[in-house]
Protein backbone atom coordinates (compact mmCIF):
# COMPACT_ATOMS: atom_id res chain seq x y z
CA UNK A 1 -0.05 0.03 -0.13
CA UNK A 2 1.50 3.49 -0.72
CA UNK A 3 1.92 5.97 1.86
CA UNK A 4 -0.38 8.89 1.38
CA UNK A 5 0.52 11.14 4.60
CA UNK A 6 0.55 14.73 3.87
CA UNK A 7 -1.57 14.75 0.83
CA UNK A 8 -4.98 16.31 1.01
CA UNK A 9 -6.60 15.01 -2.10
CA UNK A 10 -6.11 11.23 -2.37
CA UNK A 11 -8.44 8.91 -4.13
CA UNK A 12 -7.62 5.43 -5.60
CA UNK A 13 -8.34 6.80 -9.04
CA UNK A 14 -5.68 9.29 -8.87
CA UNK A 15 -3.13 6.95 -7.37
CA UNK A 16 -4.01 4.57 -10.13
CA UNK A 17 -3.35 7.52 -12.67
CA UNK A 18 -0.11 8.51 -11.12
CA UNK A 19 1.19 5.11 -11.15
CA UNK A 20 0.23 4.70 -14.81
CA UNK A 21 2.04 8.01 -15.69
CA UNK A 22 5.23 6.53 -14.25
CA UNK A 23 5.00 3.34 -16.60
CA UNK A 24 3.96 5.50 -19.68
CA UNK A 25 4.64 9.27 -19.54
CA UNK A 26 3.57 9.80 -23.08
CA UNK A 27 -0.09 11.34 -23.51
CA UNK A 28 -0.43 10.13 -27.13
CA UNK A 29 -0.04 6.51 -26.16
CA UNK A 30 -2.69 6.45 -23.32
CA UNK A 31 -5.60 6.59 -25.61
CA UNK A 32 -5.77 2.72 -25.38
CA UNK A 33 -5.72 2.82 -21.41
CA UNK A 34 -8.80 1.89 -19.73
CA UNK A 35 -9.49 2.69 -15.97
CA UNK A 36 -11.81 0.10 -14.00
CA UNK A 37 -13.32 1.33 -10.79
CA UNK A 38 -15.70 0.20 -8.43
CA UNK A 39 -17.72 3.27 -7.90
CA UNK A 40 -18.54 6.29 -10.28
CA UNK A 41 -15.39 8.63 -10.31
CA UNK A 42 -16.03 12.03 -8.51
CA UNK A 43 -15.63 15.16 -10.59
CA UNK A 44 -12.00 15.76 -9.49
CA UNK A 45 -11.03 11.94 -10.68
CA UNK A 46 -12.91 12.39 -13.81
CA UNK A 47 -11.26 15.83 -14.57
CA UNK A 48 -7.89 14.01 -14.03
CA UNK A 49 -8.76 11.09 -16.16
CA UNK A 50 -9.85 13.38 -18.98
CA UNK A 51 -6.52 15.19 -18.72
CA UNK A 52 -4.66 12.08 -18.65
CA UNK A 53 -6.32 11.31 -22.11
CA UNK A 54 -7.79 7.85 -21.13
CA UNK A 55 -9.44 5.97 -23.58
CA UNK A 56 -12.38 4.69 -21.61
CA UNK A 57 -13.52 4.49 -17.88
CA UNK A 58 -15.75 1.43 -16.54
CA UNK A 59 -17.36 1.73 -13.30
CA UNK A 60 -19.73 -0.70 -11.37
CA UNK A 61 -21.85 1.51 -9.07
CA UNK A 62 -23.58 4.93 -10.14
CA UNK A 63 -23.83 7.30 -7.31
CA UNK A 64 -26.91 9.12 -6.76
CA UNK A 65 -25.23 12.56 -7.11
CA UNK A 66 -24.05 14.49 -10.12
CA UNK A 67 -20.87 12.82 -10.98
CA UNK A 68 -19.25 11.22 -14.20
CA UNK A 69 -22.30 9.99 -15.79
CA UNK A 70 -23.76 13.45 -16.78
CA UNK A 71 -20.35 15.13 -17.41
CA UNK A 72 -19.17 12.25 -19.67
CA UNK A 73 -21.93 12.85 -21.99
CA UNK A 74 -20.19 16.05 -23.14
CA UNK A 75 -17.48 14.20 -24.65
């Protein structure tokens, strides 16, 4: 498990994106990348995933609040 002491905004989605960036730091090559998460990403994590140029995001649980579902329809 990664130490997250001293970090204010730590979500598993962001840790996964940071780990992937260490493996493949070239944005153009990430369009084939897919992020699988249990719950619908929050707006912060969705923004990070869009900035990261991910190809797709799959999640199992839809939250009842405004999250990724509505925003991802813009794309």
